[in-house]
Amino acid sequence: MTRYSIFSLARNAFNNHRDWPAAWRSPEPKAEYDVIIIGGGGHGLATAFYLAEEHGVTNVAVLEKGWLGGGNTGRNTTIVRSNYLLEGNAHFYEKSMKLWETMSQELNFNVMMSHRGVLNLAHSDPQVDAFQRRGNAMRLNGIDAEYLDRNEIQRLVPLLDCSDNTRYPIMGGLLQPRGGTARHDAVAWGYARGADARGVDIIQNCEVTGIKRDDGRVTGVETTRGAIKAKKVGIAVAGHTTQLCQMAGVDVPIESHVLQAMVSEPIKPCLNTVVTSGAAHCYISQSDKGELVFGGDLDGYNSFAQRGNFPIIEHVVASVCALFPAFSRLRLMRTWGGVVDMSMDGSPIIAKTPVDGLYLNGGWCYGGFKATPGSGWVFAHTIAGDRPHALNECFSLERFATGCVLDEKGAGPVPGAH
């Protein structure tokens, strides 16, 4: 760090950052854009960045009803991985993983990517077989995977209860060493700054209230800040996908559910990898601040509320304590909920819609954060060229009518989750 930047940090710290330069502009909406992206989370901002960076499309607006990263981007548990079995998912998420590996350099913004590894625990003979099969498929697809026996897991995660008397006996586990965590806010900030620098207008506090069409083609949007024309509109709004699609008369096979997460009080470093358990319905990692970050299954009802219920909290905490008895002494600091799109096969939709000029990015179920760069990269390609990239052809909306679904089981912390 240079002397100038040190003094700049000190000066702004003492004046409450009043003179701190803005990382991106706050322009007034123009009357018309080539492309409007609805949703100022990670996926929407990444799409705008890659539209400008990869395709030279800079007359773009990102419309966010609140503030950037105020939705699921700021409410997830930061896990990054590409440990998938099926070909379509494996190649897409591996592309995303490779983008994660160079993201800080590409954006010139530290997203704090930590390759600490992601470990899926096997608690039964069928799970052992399934994880070994998935690990073999991953390696055939060029993705790193290691199967660990119980002794190797005990050495990797000393606080994990690997005894014979535990509630969830551990028989082995599948490790992806390149997996890990990243700073969710930094991802939104980095993409926002990068998109803004390339001419994209990022407009906050601008809620879309309608999608305008003429003769079967999208012509723009109605917002709380007036009507805005556009040749193309992309939807990337996480849990509110069904509401936005209904504005354009498009029905999608998606339900919105609450997914909770929570953190403990901060403690000294004791967990240097991400641990997930499908049988226990939970996953856990330790943040850079020392907090244990964990979560589990969905609340069992449809909702657009960013809050959950105590039964899920109780279940997740009990599962974590069963796997890590030492953690039972810790205090729970806070909990929160995010609204997630649950598609009918557990895989996302990144595709054109039946309305010309309208494109959809949604249905991310349990794990949209890890897909952020890959999602933005292929969605930008789809919008710019009006056709999918080879990596997202399998994520079409039509697959639910034809039966060509990507029903992947056991790739996450809960059965059937990714």
Protein backbone atom coordinates (compact mmCIF):
# COMPACT_ATOMS: atom_id res chain seq x y z
CA MET A 1 0.00 0.00 0.00
CA THR A 2 1.37 3.41 -0.97
CA ARG A 3 1.82 6.32 1.46
CA TYR A 4 -0.91 8.19 -0.41
CA SER A 5 -3.45 5.40 0.05
CA ILE A 6 -2.55 5.00 3.73
CA PHE A 7 -3.10 8.71 4.39
CA SER A 8 -6.28 8.61 2.28
CA LEU A 9 -7.68 5.79 4.40
CA ALA A 10 -6.77 7.60 7.62
CA ARG A 11 -8.26 10.93 6.47
CA ASN A 12 -11.54 9.35 5.41
CA ALA A 13 -11.75 7.35 8.62
CA PHE A 14 -11.64 10.56 10.67
CA ASN A 15 -14.24 12.42 8.59
CA ASN A 16 -16.71 9.50 8.50
CA HIS A 17 -15.95 8.81 4.81
CA ARG A 18 -17.64 12.03 3.64
CA ASP A 19 -15.03 12.49 0.91
CA TRP A 20 -14.78 8.82 0.00
CA PRO A 21 -15.18 8.49 -3.79
CA ALA A 22 -18.21 6.51 -4.99
CA ALA A 23 -17.38 3.09 -6.45
CA TRP A 24 -20.07 3.50 -9.11
CA ARG A 25 -22.35 6.24 -10.40
CA SER A 26 -25.98 6.78 -9.43
CA PRO A 27 -27.43 8.06 -12.72
CA GLU A 28 -31.00 8.96 -13.54
CA PRO A 29 -32.67 6.39 -15.82
CA LYS A 30 -32.44 7.14 -19.53
CA ALA A 31 -35.52 6.95 -21.71
CA GLU A 32 -34.27 3.87 -23.55
CA TYR A 33 -31.61 1.15 -23.34
CA ASP A 34 -30.51 -1.70 -25.54
CA VAL A 35 -30.75 -4.08 -22.55
CA ILE A 36 -32.37 -3.81 -19.13
CA ILE A 37 -31.40 -6.27 -16.42
CA ILE A 38 -33.95 -6.52 -13.62
CA GLY A 39 -32.19 -7.37 -10.38
CA GLY A 40 -29.08 -5.80 -8.84
CA GLY A 41 -27.73 -8.90 -7.13
CA GLY A 42 -24.68 -10.88 -8.12
CA HIS A 43 -26.27 -12.55 -11.16
CA GLY A 44 -27.71 -9.34 -12.59
CA LEU A 45 -24.52 -7.36 -12.06
CA ALA A 46 -22.36 -10.15 -13.49
CA THR A 47 -24.61 -10.29 -16.56
CA ALA A 48 -24.23 -6.55 -17.11
CA PHE A 49 -20.46 -6.75 -16.63
CA TYR A 50 -20.04 -9.56 -19.17
CA LEU A 51 -22.42 -7.91 -21.66
CA ALA A 52 -20.03 -4.96 -21.70
CA GLU A 53 -16.76 -6.84 -21.30
CA GLU A 54 -17.35 -9.82 -23.60
CA HIS A 55 -19.91 -8.52 -26.11
CA GLY A 56 -19.42 -4.75 -26.24
CA VAL A 57 -23.02 -4.06 -25.22
CA THR A 58 -22.73 -1.02 -22.93
CA ASN A 59 -26.11 0.72 -23.31
CA VAL A 60 -27.35 -1.36 -20.39
CA ALA A 61 -29.26 -0.56 -17.20
CA VAL A 62 -29.40 -2.69 -14.06
CA LEU A 63 -32.59 -1.91 -12.14
CA GLU A 64 -32.68 -2.76 -8.42
CA LYS A 65 -35.74 -2.12 -6.28
CA GLY A 66 -33.62 -1.67 -3.14
CA TRP A 67 -29.85 -1.52 -2.81
CA LEU A 68 -27.19 -3.60 -4.54
CA GLY A 69 -26.71 -6.98 -2.91
CA GLY A 70 -29.68 -6.43 -0.57
CA GLY A 71 -31.32 -9.71 -1.58
CA ASN A 72 -29.87 -13.21 -1.64
CA THR A 73 -26.40 -12.00 -2.61
CA GLY A 74 -26.04 -10.54 0.88
CA ARG A 75 -27.95 -13.35 2.61
CA ASN A 76 -26.24 -16.55 1.47
CA THR A 77 -23.55 -18.63 3.15
CA THR A 78 -20.80 -17.93 0.57
CA ILE A 79 -20.02 -21.52 -0.52
CA VAL A 80 -18.35 -22.04 -3.90
CA ARG A 81 -18.05 -25.48 -5.54
CA SER A 82 -18.51 -27.47 -8.76
CA ASN A 83 -18.96 -31.00 -7.37
CA TYR A 84 -21.72 -32.21 -9.72
CA LEU A 85 -22.46 -35.57 -11.29
CA LEU A 86 -24.55 -34.82 -14.39
CA GLU A 87 -22.78 -33.53 -17.51
CA GLY A 88 -24.81 -30.35 -17.92
CA ASN A 89 -24.35 -29.21 -14.34
CA ALA A 90 -20.72 -30.33 -14.11
CA HIS A 91 -19.48 -28.36 -17.12
CA PHE A 92 -21.47 -25.24 -16.24
CA TYR A 93 -20.39 -25.08 -12.59
CA GLU A 94 -16.78 -25.87 -13.48
CA LYS A 95 -16.81 -22.87 -15.85
CA SER A 96 -18.10 -20.83 -12.94
CA MET A 97 -15.36 -22.19 -10.68
CA LYS A 98 -12.68 -21.17 -13.19
CA LEU A 99 -14.14 -17.67 -13.30
CA TRP A 100 -14.01 -17.55 -9.50
CA GLU A 101 -10.33 -18.37 -9.62
CA THR A 102 -9.52 -15.28 -11.68
CA MET A 103 -12.31 -12.96 -10.52
CA SER A 104 -10.26 -10.77 -8.17
CA GLN A 105 -7.72 -10.11 -10.92
CA GLU A 106 -10.37 -9.58 -13.61
CA LEU A 107 -12.35 -7.10 -11.50
CA ASN A 108 -9.31 -5.61 -9.74
CA PHE A 109 -11.33 -6.12 -6.56
CA ASN A 110 -10.56 -8.66 -3.84
CA VAL A 111 -13.53 -11.03 -3.54
CA MET A 112 -11.67 -13.01 -0.85
CA MET A 113 -11.94 -16.36 -2.63
CA SER A 114 -10.68 -19.02 -0.21
CA HIS A 115 -10.01 -22.49 -1.65
CA ARG A 116 -10.44 -24.24 1.69
CA GLY A 117 -12.25 -27.25 0.23
CA VAL A 118 -15.81 -28.57 0.44
CA LEU A 119 -16.37 -31.94 2.14
CA ASN A 120 -19.58 -33.98 1.71
CA LEU A 121 -19.95 -36.54 4.51
CA ALA A 122 -21.17 -40.08 3.76
CA HIS A 123 -23.15 -41.77 6.54
CA SER A 124 -24.29 -45.01 4.89
CA ASP A 125 -23.16 -47.61 2.36
CA PRO A 126 -25.45 -46.19 -0.37
CA GLN A 127 -24.02 -42.72 0.24
CA VAL A 128 -20.47 -44.08 0.01
CA ASP A 129 -21.30 -45.65 -3.37
CA ALA A 130 -23.02 -42.50 -4.60
CA PHE A 131 -20.16 -40.20 -3.55
CA GLN A 132 -17.52 -42.44 -5.09
CA ARG A 133 -19.50 -42.54 -8.32
CA ARG A 134 -19.87 -38.75 -8.29
CA GLY A 135 -16.18 -38.31 -7.56
CA ASN A 136 -15.25 -40.54 -10.49
CA ALA A 137 -17.60 -38.61 -12.80
CA MET A 138 -16.12 -35.32 -11.62
CA ARG A 139 -12.60 -36.46 -12.39
CA LEU A 140 -13.65 -37.69 -15.83
CA ASN A 141 -15.00 -34.19 -16.44
CA GLY A 142 -11.73 -32.60 -15.34
CA ILE A 143 -12.99 -31.53 -11.90
CA ASP A 144 -10.90 -32.16 -8.80
CA ALA A 145 -12.30 -34.77 -6.40
CA GLU A 146 -10.88 -36.91 -3.59
CA TYR A 147 -12.65 -39.64 -1.65
CA LEU A 148 -11.56 -39.74 2.00
CA ASP A 149 -12.03 -42.53 4.53
CA ARG A 150 -13.00 -41.86 8.13
CA ASN A 151 -9.43 -41.61 9.41
CA GLU A 152 -8.51 -39.08 6.73
CA ILE A 153 -11.60 -37.03 7.58
CA GLN A 154 -10.71 -37.07 11.27
CA ARG A 155 -7.26 -35.68 10.48
CA LEU A 156 -8.75 -33.01 8.22
CA VAL A 157 -11.51 -31.98 10.65
CA PRO A 158 -10.33 -32.84 14.20
CA LEU A 159 -13.44 -31.49 15.97
CA LEU A 160 -15.82 -33.65 13.91
CA ASP A 161 -17.24 -36.59 15.86
CA CYS A 162 -16.00 -39.63 13.94
CA SER A 163 -16.68 -42.13 16.73
CA ASP A 164 -18.89 -45.22 16.39
CA ASN A 165 -21.44 -43.85 18.88
CA THR A 166 -22.35 -40.62 17.14
CA ARG A 167 -25.87 -39.95 15.89
CA TYR A 168 -24.56 -39.70 12.31
CA PRO A 169 -21.78 -42.30 11.87
CA ILE A 170 -19.19 -41.12 9.35
CA MET A 171 -18.11 -43.71 6.82
CA GLY A 172 -16.23 -41.45 4.43
CA GLY A 173 -16.62 -38.30 2.41
CA LEU A 174 -16.11 -36.62 -0.96
CA LEU A 175 -13.77 -33.63 -0.95
CA GLN A 176 -13.41 -30.99 -3.64
CA PRO A 177 -10.16 -29.24 -2.64
CA ARG A 178 -10.70 -26.25 -4.98
CA GLY A 179 -14.09 -25.51 -3.46
CA GLY A 180 -14.40 -23.02 -0.62
CA THR A 181 -15.91 -19.65 0.20
CA ALA A 182 -15.87 -16.05 -1.04
CA ARG A 183 -17.06 -12.69 0.31
CA HIS A 184 -20.59 -12.24 -1.01
CA ASP A 185 -20.74 -8.43 -0.67
CA ALA A 186 -17.40 -8.05 -2.43
CA VAL A 187 -18.72 -10.00 -5.42
CA ALA A 188 -21.62 -7.55 -5.85
CA TRP A 189 -19.38 -4.52 -5.31
CA GLY A 190 -16.70 -5.79 -7.69
CA TYR A 191 -19.13 -6.53 -10.52
CA ALA A 192 -20.97 -3.24 -9.93
CA ARG A 193 -17.77 -1.22 -10.13
CA GLY A 194 -16.59 -3.14 -13.19
CA ALA A 195 -19.91 -2.74 -15.01
CA ASP A 196 -20.13 0.96 -14.18
CA ALA A 197 -16.60 1.56 -15.45
CA ARG A 198 -17.69 0.06 -18.80
CA GLY A 199 -20.67 2.39 -19.16
CA VAL A 200 -23.49 0.39 -17.55
CA ASP A 201 -26.09 2.44 -15.62
CA ILE A 202 -26.77 0.97 -12.18
CA ILE A 203 -30.04 2.37 -10.86
CA GLN A 204 -31.02 1.59 -7.27
CA ASN A 205 -34.39 2.21 -5.59
CA CYS A 206 -36.10 1.55 -8.92
CA GLU A 207 -38.72 -1.18 -8.65
CA VAL A 208 -40.11 -2.74 -11.81
CA THR A 209 -43.92 -2.73 -11.66
CA GLY A 210 -44.69 -3.97 -15.15
CA ILE A 211 -43.17 -5.39 -18.33
CA LYS A 212 -44.40 -3.75 -21.52
CA ARG A 213 -45.09 -5.82 -24.65
CA ASP A 214 -46.26 -5.11 -28.15
CA ASP A 215 -47.30 -7.84 -30.59
CA GLY A 216 -45.61 -10.57 -28.54
CA ARG A 217 -42.34 -8.72 -28.07
CA VAL A 218 -40.98 -6.91 -25.02
CA THR A 219 -40.66 -3.14 -25.46
CA GLY A 220 -39.63 -1.97 -22.01
CA VAL A 221 -40.62 -1.81 -18.36
CA GLU A 222 -42.75 0.26 -16.02
CA THR A 223 -40.95 1.31 -12.85
CA THR A 224 -41.49 3.45 -9.76
CA ARG A 225 -39.28 6.00 -11.54
CA GLY A 226 -41.20 6.00 -14.79
CA ALA A 227 -41.38 3.98 -17.99
CA ILE A 228 -38.14 2.88 -19.65
CA LYS A 229 -37.93 1.47 -23.16
CA ALA A 230 -35.67 -1.46 -23.99
CA LYS A 231 -35.04 -3.79 -26.90
CA LYS A 232 -34.23 -6.67 -24.53
CA VAL A 233 -35.04 -7.37 -20.87
CA GLY A 234 -33.36 -9.94 -18.62
CA ILE A 235 -34.88 -11.13 -15.34
CA ALA A 236 -32.44 -12.04 -12.55
CA VAL A 237 -34.38 -11.53 -9.33
CA ALA A 238 -33.85 -14.72 -7.31
CA GLY A 239 -36.90 -15.53 -5.16
CA HIS A 240 -39.24 -13.15 -6.98
CA THR A 241 -38.90 -14.73 -10.42
CA THR A 242 -42.53 -15.88 -10.57
CA GLN A 243 -43.83 -12.38 -9.85
CA LEU A 244 -41.73 -10.74 -12.58
CA CYS A 245 -42.55 -13.45 -15.13
CA GLN A 246 -46.27 -13.07 -14.47
CA MET A 247 -45.97 -9.40 -15.44
CA ALA A 248 -45.04 -10.63 -18.92
CA GLY A 249 -47.65 -13.41 -18.98
CA VAL A 250 -45.06 -16.18 -18.60
CA ASP A 251 -45.71 -19.09 -16.21
CA VAL A 252 -42.60 -20.79 -14.84
CA PRO A 253 -42.26 -24.10 -12.91
CA ILE A 254 -40.83 -22.40 -9.82
CA GLU A 255 -41.88 -22.07 -6.19
CA SER A 256 -40.52 -19.51 -3.72
CA HIS A 257 -39.38 -20.75 -0.32
CA VAL A 258 -37.54 -19.40 2.70
CA LEU A 259 -34.03 -20.72 3.31
CA GLN A 260 -32.48 -19.83 6.66
CA ALA A 261 -28.89 -19.45 7.80
CA MET A 262 -27.26 -18.49 11.08
CA VAL A 263 -23.94 -17.70 12.74
CA SER A 264 -22.42 -18.39 16.14
CA GLU A 265 -20.37 -16.04 18.26
CA PRO A 266 -16.82 -15.64 16.88
CA ILE A 267 -14.14 -18.04 18.11
CA LYS A 268 -10.53 -18.78 17.24
CA PRO A 269 -9.88 -20.67 13.97
CA CYS A 270 -10.97 -24.29 14.38
CA LEU A 271 -12.58 -25.32 11.07
CA ASN A 272 -10.55 -24.86 7.90
CA THR A 273 -12.93 -26.42 5.39
CA VAL A 274 -16.63 -26.48 4.52
CA VAL A 275 -18.44 -29.55 5.89
CA THR A 276 -21.84 -30.67 4.58
CA SER A 277 -24.09 -33.54 5.59
CA GLY A 278 -27.15 -34.62 3.62
CA ALA A 279 -28.26 -37.02 6.36
CA ALA A 280 -28.05 -34.33 9.03
CA HIS A 281 -29.53 -31.68 6.72
CA CYS A 282 -26.85 -29.13 7.53
CA TYR A 283 -23.60 -27.54 6.41
CA ILE A 284 -21.04 -25.45 8.27
CA SER A 285 -17.92 -23.35 7.72
CA GLN A 286 -16.01 -20.71 9.66
CA SER A 287 -15.87 -17.11 8.47
CA ASP A 288 -12.79 -14.92 8.46
CA LYS A 289 -14.24 -13.13 11.51
CA GLY A 290 -14.35 -16.43 13.41
CA GLU A 291 -18.10 -16.98 13.31
CA LEU A 292 -19.39 -20.45 12.50
CA VAL A 293 -21.75 -20.08 9.52
CA PHE A 294 -24.33 -22.83 9.08
CA GLY A 295 -27.68 -23.66 7.56
CA GLY A 296 -29.87 -26.53 6.43
CA ASP A 297 -33.15 -27.30 4.72
CA LEU A 298 -36.02 -25.09 3.58
CA ASP A 299 -38.84 -23.89 5.76
CA GLY A 300 -41.80 -26.00 4.71
CA TYR A 301 -44.03 -23.34 3.19
CA ASN A 302 -44.12 -20.93 0.25
CA SER A 303 -43.19 -17.37 1.13
CA PHE A 304 -41.59 -14.14 -0.09
CA ALA A 305 -40.58 -13.14 3.47
CA GLN A 306 -36.88 -12.86 4.36
CA ARG A 307 -37.35 -14.53 7.72
CA GLY A 308 -37.94 -18.07 8.92
CA ASN A 309 -39.27 -20.17 11.78
CA PHE A 310 -37.71 -21.60 14.94
CA PRO A 311 -38.22 -25.32 14.10
CA ILE A 312 -35.64 -25.14 11.29
CA ILE A 313 -33.22 -23.23 13.52
CA GLU A 314 -33.63 -25.87 16.23
CA HIS A 315 -33.12 -28.72 13.76
CA VAL A 316 -29.99 -27.21 12.19
CA VAL A 317 -28.42 -26.35 15.54
CA ALA A 318 -29.12 -29.86 16.87
CA SER A 319 -27.53 -31.40 13.76
CA VAL A 320 -24.44 -29.20 14.02
CA CYS A 321 -24.04 -30.11 17.69
CA ALA A 322 -24.38 -33.82 16.85
CA LEU A 323 -21.58 -33.56 14.30
CA PHE A 324 -19.45 -31.19 16.38
CA PRO A 325 -20.20 -31.71 20.10
CA ALA A 326 -17.73 -29.00 21.12
CA PHE A 327 -19.85 -26.38 19.37
CA SER A 328 -22.76 -26.97 21.76
CA ARG A 329 -21.10 -24.52 24.17
CA LEU A 330 -21.35 -21.61 21.73
CA ARG A 331 -24.01 -18.92 21.61
CA LEU A 332 -26.11 -18.33 18.50
CA MET A 333 -25.59 -14.70 17.46
CA ARG A 334 -28.09 -14.11 14.67
CA THR A 335 -30.26 -15.82 12.05
CA TRP A 336 -31.73 -14.66 8.76
CA GLY A 337 -33.68 -15.93 5.78
CA GLY A 338 -33.45 -15.60 2.02
CA VAL A 339 -36.14 -16.17 -0.60
CA VAL A 340 -35.07 -18.85 -3.07
CA ASP A 341 -36.49 -20.08 -6.39
CA MET A 342 -37.07 -23.82 -6.27
CA SER A 343 -37.30 -25.29 -9.76
CA MET A 344 -39.02 -28.62 -10.27
CA ASP A 345 -35.80 -30.52 -11.04
CA GLY A 346 -33.39 -28.64 -8.78
CA SER A 347 -31.47 -27.09 -11.69
CA PRO A 348 -31.59 -23.45 -12.86
CA ILE A 349 -33.28 -21.84 -15.85
CA ILE A 350 -31.02 -19.63 -18.00
CA ALA A 351 -32.90 -19.17 -21.22
CA LYS A 352 -35.05 -17.24 -23.66
CA THR A 353 -38.75 -17.08 -22.79
CA PRO A 354 -41.76 -17.40 -25.13
CA VAL A 355 -41.84 -13.57 -25.23
CA ASP A 356 -39.37 -12.22 -27.80
CA GLY A 357 -36.69 -10.10 -26.18
CA LEU A 358 -37.38 -11.43 -22.67
CA TYR A 359 -34.77 -13.65 -20.99
CA LEU A 360 -34.88 -15.54 -17.70
CA ASN A 361 -32.20 -16.34 -15.13
CA GLY A 362 -33.71 -18.10 -12.11
CA GLY A 363 -34.57 -21.34 -10.33
CA TRP A 364 -31.27 -21.50 -8.41
CA CYS A 365 -32.68 -23.51 -5.49
CA TYR A 366 -30.14 -23.87 -2.68
CA GLY A 367 -27.00 -22.66 -4.40
CA GLY A 368 -27.09 -19.62 -6.65
CA PHE A 369 -24.10 -17.86 -5.12
CA LYS A 370 -21.50 -20.31 -6.42
CA ALA A 371 -22.91 -19.91 -9.93
CA THR A 372 -22.69 -16.10 -9.95
CA PRO A 373 -19.85 -15.62 -12.47
CA GLY A 374 -20.80 -18.55 -14.70
CA SER A 375 -24.45 -17.52 -14.67
CA GLY A 376 -23.65 -13.94 -15.66
CA TRP A 377 -21.24 -15.14 -18.36
CA VAL A 378 -23.72 -17.45 -20.14
CA PHE A 379 -26.71 -15.17 -19.56
CA ALA A 380 -24.85 -12.29 -21.21
CA HIS A 381 -24.07 -14.59 -24.16
CA THR A 382 -27.73 -15.63 -24.41
CA ILE A 383 -28.99 -12.03 -24.35
CA ALA A 384 -26.36 -10.62 -26.71
CA GLY A 385 -26.72 -13.37 -29.32
CA ASP A 386 -30.37 -14.29 -28.73
CA ARG A 387 -29.34 -17.92 -28.33
CA PRO A 388 -27.94 -20.00 -25.47
CA HIS A 389 -24.31 -20.86 -25.01
CA ALA A 390 -23.45 -24.56 -25.14
CA LEU A 391 -23.04 -24.44 -21.35
CA ASN A 392 -26.65 -23.38 -20.70
CA GLU A 393 -28.52 -25.14 -23.50
CA CYS A 394 -29.61 -27.77 -20.98
CA PHE A 395 -31.11 -25.09 -18.70
CA SER A 396 -33.94 -24.23 -21.09
CA LEU A 397 -37.48 -23.50 -19.99
CA GLU A 398 -38.80 -26.05 -22.48
CA ARG A 399 -37.14 -28.99 -20.71
CA PHE A 400 -40.01 -29.23 -18.25
CA ALA A 401 -42.42 -29.87 -21.12
CA THR A 402 -40.18 -32.32 -22.99
CA GLY A 403 -39.01 -34.23 -19.91
CA CYS A 404 -35.28 -33.53 -20.51
CA VAL A 405 -34.79 -32.45 -16.90
CA LEU A 406 -31.54 -32.32 -14.89
CA ASP A 407 -32.63 -34.00 -11.69
CA GLU A 408 -29.44 -34.11 -9.63
CA LYS A 409 -29.59 -35.70 -6.19
CA GLY A 410 -27.21 -35.60 -3.26
CA ALA A 411 -24.95 -32.79 -4.49
CA GLY A 412 -25.49 -30.56 -1.47
CA PRO A 413 -26.34 -30.31 2.23
CA VAL A 414 -29.86 -31.68 1.88
CA PRO A 415 -31.22 -34.60 -0.14
CA GLY A 416 -31.80 -33.54 -3.72
CA ALA A 417 -30.14 -30.15 -3.20
CA HIS A 418 -27.34 -28.60 -4.99
